[in-house]
Amino acid sequence: MVGLLVAADLLLTFGVVRRMSEHTAVLPDLRAKAQGANVLGGEIALAAGSPIAAFEATTTDGQSVTLAELGDHALVGFFSPPCGLRKERLPDFLQYAAGRQEGSGSVLAVVAGTADETGELAEPLRQVASVVVEPDHGPLQHAFAVTGFPAAR
């Protein structure tokens, strides 16, 4: 009886080890997708230098923002309250945006969601950027071809 129990335990252990090695092979791809590409394998936003579709939006301060007003060297970040990576990437975005020589006028932060969902996220962004709150799949997300969060261009 003990021999059968040990044999069954050994078979389960080999199965777990085999499964772990399969996961080890898949994890680097999943990490890469989470850091820069969507689940379908494409980029989560337009690459730098790609043409951007025309848009018009209103910031939380009531200012109008268009593609022409952003300028050639604008920094645009896209955030969503439910995104888990937001917590990791937001401090880096805030630090980079604060250190830009062009000033906060050339930094735009787009927060996807309802006004109730986005308030806590939009507040720290207001310190370094003009903030636009829009619904998921809003016009700015379409203009920059954003398919995942967080994204920056």
C-alpha atoms as a PDB file:
ATOM      1  CA  MET A   1       0.000   0.000   0.000  1.00  0.00           C
ATOM      2  CA  VAL A   2       2.823   2.408   0.900  1.00  0.00           C
ATOM      3  CA  GLY A   3       4.550   1.555  -2.395  1.00  0.00           C
ATOM      4  CA  LEU A   4       1.408   2.476  -4.374  1.00  0.00           C
ATOM      5  CA  LEU A   5       1.079   5.734  -2.448  1.00  0.00           C
ATOM      6  CA  VAL A   6       4.727   6.652  -3.136  1.00  0.00           C
ATOM      7  CA  ALA A   7       4.339   5.749  -6.828  1.00  0.00           C
ATOM      8  CA  ALA A   8       1.209   7.920  -7.128  1.00  0.00           C
ATOM      9  CA  ASP A   9       3.017  10.798  -5.382  1.00  0.00           C
ATOM     10  CA  LEU A  10       5.973  10.407  -7.736  1.00  0.00           C
ATOM     11  CA  LEU A  11       3.690  10.544 -10.806  1.00  0.00           C
ATOM     12  CA  LEU A  12       1.989  13.700  -9.522  1.00  0.00           C
ATOM     13  CA  THR A  13       5.374  15.307  -8.807  1.00  0.00           C
ATOM     14  CA  PHE A  14       6.570  14.585 -12.365  1.00  0.00           C
ATOM     15  CA  GLY A  15       3.345  16.100 -13.709  1.00  0.00           C
ATOM     16  CA  VAL A  16       3.807  19.266 -11.658  1.00  0.00           C
ATOM     17  CA  VAL A  17       7.447  19.620 -12.751  1.00  0.00           C
ATOM     18  CA  ARG A  18       6.481  19.161 -16.415  1.00  0.00           C
ATOM     19  CA  ARG A  19       3.726  21.772 -16.078  1.00  0.00           C
ATOM     20  CA  MET A  20       6.106  24.226 -14.392  1.00  0.00           C
ATOM     21  CA  SER A  21       8.623  23.887 -17.225  1.00  0.00           C
ATOM     22  CA  GLU A  22       5.840  24.616 -19.739  1.00  0.00           C
ATOM     23  CA  HIS A  23       4.895  27.743 -17.763  1.00  0.00           C
ATOM     24  CA  THR A  24       8.542  28.812 -17.592  1.00  0.00           C
ATOM     25  CA  ALA A  25       8.696  28.713 -21.387  1.00  0.00           C
ATOM     26  CA  VAL A  26       5.505  30.805 -21.743  1.00  0.00           C
ATOM     27  CA  LEU A  27       6.147  33.440 -19.034  1.00  0.00           C
ATOM     28  CA  PRO A  28       8.653  35.599 -20.976  1.00  0.00           C
ATOM     29  CA  ASP A  29       6.137  36.023 -23.809  1.00  0.00           C
ATOM     30  CA  LEU A  30       3.383  36.967 -21.369  1.00  0.00           C
ATOM     31  CA  ARG A  31       5.624  39.511 -19.638  1.00  0.00           C
ATOM     32  CA  ALA A  32       6.579  41.069 -22.974  1.00  0.00           C
ATOM     33  CA  LYS A  33       2.936  41.351 -23.957  1.00  0.00           C
ATOM     34  CA  ALA A  34       2.032  42.941 -20.638  1.00  0.00           C
ATOM     35  CA  GLN A  35       4.810  45.515 -20.992  1.00  0.00           C
ATOM     36  CA  GLY A  36       4.323  46.616 -24.564  1.00  0.00           C
ATOM     37  CA  ALA A  37       1.924  44.609 -26.654  1.00  0.00           C
ATOM     38  CA  ASN A  38      -1.653  43.549 -26.384  1.00  0.00           C
ATOM     39  CA  VAL A  39      -2.870  39.975 -26.075  1.00  0.00           C
ATOM     40  CA  LEU A  40      -3.436  39.748 -29.828  1.00  0.00           C
ATOM     41  CA  GLY A  41       0.255  40.358 -30.435  1.00  0.00           C
ATOM     42  CA  GLY A  42       0.150  43.923 -31.759  1.00  0.00           C
ATOM     43  CA  GLU A  43       1.377  47.122 -30.190  1.00  0.00           C
ATOM     44  CA  ILE A  44      -0.902  48.739 -27.623  1.00  0.00           C
ATOM     45  CA  ALA A  45      -0.550  52.187 -29.240  1.00  0.00           C
ATOM     46  CA  LEU A  46       0.930  53.835 -32.298  1.00  0.00           C
ATOM     47  CA  ALA A  47       4.703  53.816 -32.418  1.00  0.00           C
ATOM     48  CA  ALA A  48       6.530  57.127 -32.000  1.00  0.00           C
ATOM     49  CA  GLY A  49       6.571  58.996 -35.295  1.00  0.00           C
ATOM     50  CA  SER A  50       3.423  57.317 -36.650  1.00  0.00           C
ATOM     51  CA  PRO A  51       0.753  59.596 -38.078  1.00  0.00           C
ATOM     52  CA  ILE A  52      -2.005  60.401 -35.583  1.00  0.00           C
ATOM     53  CA  ALA A  53      -5.636  60.868 -36.544  1.00  0.00           C
ATOM     54  CA  ALA A  54      -7.080  64.332 -35.941  1.00  0.00           C
ATOM     55  CA  PHE A  55      -8.943  64.756 -32.677  1.00  0.00           C
ATOM     56  CA  GLU A  56     -10.476  67.365 -30.419  1.00  0.00           C
ATOM     57  CA  ALA A  57     -10.973  66.895 -26.696  1.00  0.00           C
ATOM     58  CA  THR A  58     -11.613  68.946 -23.576  1.00  0.00           C
ATOM     59  CA  THR A  59      -9.391  68.722 -20.515  1.00  0.00           C
ATOM     60  CA  THR A  60     -10.710  68.513 -16.968  1.00  0.00           C
ATOM     61  CA  ASP A  61      -9.834  72.221 -16.699  1.00  0.00           C
ATOM     62  CA  GLY A  62     -12.158  73.053 -19.623  1.00  0.00           C
ATOM     63  CA  GLN A  63      -9.373  73.704 -22.153  1.00  0.00           C
ATOM     64  CA  SER A  64      -9.678  72.456 -25.712  1.00  0.00           C
ATOM     65  CA  VAL A  65      -6.947  70.127 -27.005  1.00  0.00           C
ATOM     66  CA  THR A  66      -6.322  69.264 -30.642  1.00  0.00           C
ATOM     67  CA  LEU A  67      -3.564  67.441 -32.455  1.00  0.00           C
ATOM     68  CA  ALA A  68      -2.168  70.723 -33.793  1.00  0.00           C
ATOM     69  CA  GLU A  69      -1.994  72.233 -30.289  1.00  0.00           C
ATOM     70  CA  LEU A  70       0.009  69.323 -28.871  1.00  0.00           C
ATOM     71  CA  GLY A  71       3.064  70.033 -30.991  1.00  0.00           C
ATOM     72  CA  ASP A  72       5.666  67.714 -32.440  1.00  0.00           C
ATOM     73  CA  HIS A  73       7.281  66.538 -29.210  1.00  0.00           C
ATOM     74  CA  ALA A  74       4.291  65.983 -26.958  1.00  0.00           C
ATOM     75  CA  LEU A  75       4.135  63.199 -24.407  1.00  0.00           C
ATOM     76  CA  VAL A  76       0.751  61.477 -24.267  1.00  0.00           C
ATOM     77  CA  GLY A  77      -0.055  58.825 -21.676  1.00  0.00           C
ATOM     78  CA  PHE A  78      -3.160  56.637 -21.515  1.00  0.00           C
ATOM     79  CA  PHE A  79      -4.367  55.218 -18.217  1.00  0.00           C
ATOM     80  CA  SER A  80      -7.291  53.184 -16.947  1.00  0.00           C
ATOM     81  CA  PRO A  81      -8.278  52.825 -13.268  1.00  0.00           C
ATOM     82  CA  PRO A  82      -8.696  49.014 -13.372  1.00  0.00           C
ATOM     83  CA  CYS A  83      -5.289  48.448 -15.030  1.00  0.00           C
ATOM     84  CA  GLY A  84      -2.907  46.644 -12.682  1.00  0.00           C
ATOM     85  CA  LEU A  85       0.246  47.934 -14.419  1.00  0.00           C
ATOM     86  CA  ARG A  86      -0.915  51.504 -13.811  1.00  0.00           C
ATOM     87  CA  LYS A  87       0.330  51.317 -10.232  1.00  0.00           C
ATOM     88  CA  GLU A  88       3.798  50.347 -11.446  1.00  0.00           C
ATOM     89  CA  ARG A  89       4.040  52.763 -14.372  1.00  0.00           C
ATOM     90  CA  LEU A  90       2.293  55.875 -13.025  1.00  0.00           C
ATOM     91  CA  PRO A  91       5.220  57.048 -10.825  1.00  0.00           C
ATOM     92  CA  ASP A  92       7.630  56.718 -13.771  1.00  0.00           C
ATOM     93  CA  PHE A  93       5.286  58.674 -16.034  1.00  0.00           C
ATOM     94  CA  LEU A  94       4.854  61.410 -13.414  1.00  0.00           C
ATOM     95  CA  GLN A  95       8.607  61.700 -12.888  1.00  0.00           C
ATOM     96  CA  TYR A  96       9.385  61.758 -16.615  1.00  0.00           C
ATOM     97  CA  ALA A  97       6.626  64.278 -17.365  1.00  0.00           C
ATOM     98  CA  ALA A  98       7.751  66.567 -14.521  1.00  0.00           C
ATOM     99  CA  GLY A  99      11.308  66.608 -15.858  1.00  0.00           C
ATOM    100  CA  ARG A 100      10.460  67.477 -19.461  1.00  0.00           C
ATOM    101  CA  GLN A 101      11.952  70.737 -20.714  1.00  0.00           C
ATOM    102  CA  GLU A 102       8.902  71.496 -22.836  1.00  0.00           C
ATOM    103  CA  GLY A 103       6.737  71.928 -19.705  1.00  0.00           C
ATOM    104  CA  SER A 104       3.334  70.530 -18.797  1.00  0.00           C
ATOM    105  CA  GLY A 105       1.686  72.052 -21.889  1.00  0.00           C
ATOM    106  CA  SER A 106       3.301  69.367 -24.002  1.00  0.00           C
ATOM    107  CA  VAL A 107       2.133  66.535 -21.729  1.00  0.00           C
ATOM    108  CA  LEU A 108      -1.329  65.061 -22.088  1.00  0.00           C
ATOM    109  CA  ALA A 109      -2.750  62.322 -19.870  1.00  0.00           C
ATOM    110  CA  VAL A 110      -5.853  60.486 -21.036  1.00  0.00           C
ATOM    111  CA  VAL A 111      -7.788  58.593 -18.390  1.00  0.00           C
ATOM    112  CA  ALA A 112     -10.389  56.120 -19.635  1.00  0.00           C
ATOM    113  CA  GLY A 113     -13.523  55.632 -17.571  1.00  0.00           C
ATOM    114  CA  THR A 114     -16.326  57.526 -15.896  1.00  0.00           C
ATOM    115  CA  ALA A 115     -15.737  60.669 -13.839  1.00  0.00           C
ATOM    116  CA  ASP A 116     -16.384  58.701 -10.631  1.00  0.00           C
ATOM    117  CA  GLU A 117     -13.804  56.014 -11.535  1.00  0.00           C
ATOM    118  CA  THR A 118     -11.090  58.353 -12.741  1.00  0.00           C
ATOM    119  CA  GLY A 119     -10.995  61.051 -10.047  1.00  0.00           C
ATOM    120  CA  GLU A 120      -8.330  59.416  -7.884  1.00  0.00           C
ATOM    121  CA  LEU A 121      -6.147  58.633 -10.902  1.00  0.00           C
ATOM    122  CA  ALA A 122      -6.558  62.009 -12.603  1.00  0.00           C
ATOM    123  CA  GLU A 123      -5.544  64.039  -9.543  1.00  0.00           C
ATOM    124  CA  PRO A 124      -1.779  63.259  -9.500  1.00  0.00           C
ATOM    125  CA  LEU A 125      -1.671  63.559 -13.302  1.00  0.00           C
ATOM    126  CA  ARG A 126      -2.977  67.151 -13.116  1.00  0.00           C
ATOM    127  CA  GLN A 127       0.278  68.179 -11.441  1.00  0.00           C
ATOM    128  CA  VAL A 128       2.336  67.417 -14.577  1.00  0.00           C
ATOM    129  CA  ALA A 129      -0.103  67.201 -17.482  1.00  0.00           C
ATOM    130  CA  SER A 130      -3.288  68.369 -19.063  1.00  0.00           C
ATOM    131  CA  VAL A 131      -5.811  65.634 -18.266  1.00  0.00           C
ATOM    132  CA  VAL A 132      -8.633  64.387 -20.475  1.00  0.00           C
ATOM    133  CA  VAL A 133     -11.190  61.962 -19.069  1.00  0.00           C
ATOM    134  CA  GLU A 134     -13.020  59.995 -21.729  1.00  0.00           C
ATOM    135  CA  PRO A 135     -15.047  56.793 -21.881  1.00  0.00           C
ATOM    136  CA  ASP A 136     -13.374  53.531 -22.784  1.00  0.00           C
ATOM    137  CA  HIS A 137     -12.694  53.429 -26.559  1.00  0.00           C
ATOM    138  CA  GLY A 138     -13.014  57.217 -26.689  1.00  0.00           C
ATOM    139  CA  PRO A 139     -11.857  59.500 -29.507  1.00  0.00           C
ATOM    140  CA  LEU A 140      -8.299  59.996 -28.237  1.00  0.00           C
ATOM    141  CA  GLN A 141      -7.850  56.257 -27.819  1.00  0.00           C
ATOM    142  CA  HIS A 142      -8.974  55.813 -31.425  1.00  0.00           C
ATOM    143  CA  ALA A 143      -6.690  58.604 -32.669  1.00  0.00           C
ATOM    144  CA  PHE A 144      -3.646  56.969 -31.062  1.00  0.00           C
ATOM    145  CA  ALA A 145      -4.829  53.394 -31.795  1.00  0.00           C
ATOM    146  CA  VAL A 146      -4.708  52.466 -28.102  1.00  0.00           C
ATOM    147  CA  THR A 147      -5.768  48.901 -27.416  1.00  0.00           C
ATOM    148  CA  GLY A 148      -4.331  48.439 -23.914  1.00  0.00           C
ATOM    149  CA  PHE A 149      -3.293  50.304 -20.777  1.00  0.00           C
ATOM    150  CA  PRO A 150      -1.064  51.909 -19.679  1.00  0.00           C
ATOM    151  CA  ALA A 151       0.275  53.276 -22.957  1.00  0.00           C
ATOM    152  CA  ALA A 152       2.460  56.246 -23.762  1.00  0.00           C
ATOM    153  CA  ARG A 153       3.651  57.889 -26.937  1.00  0.00           C
END
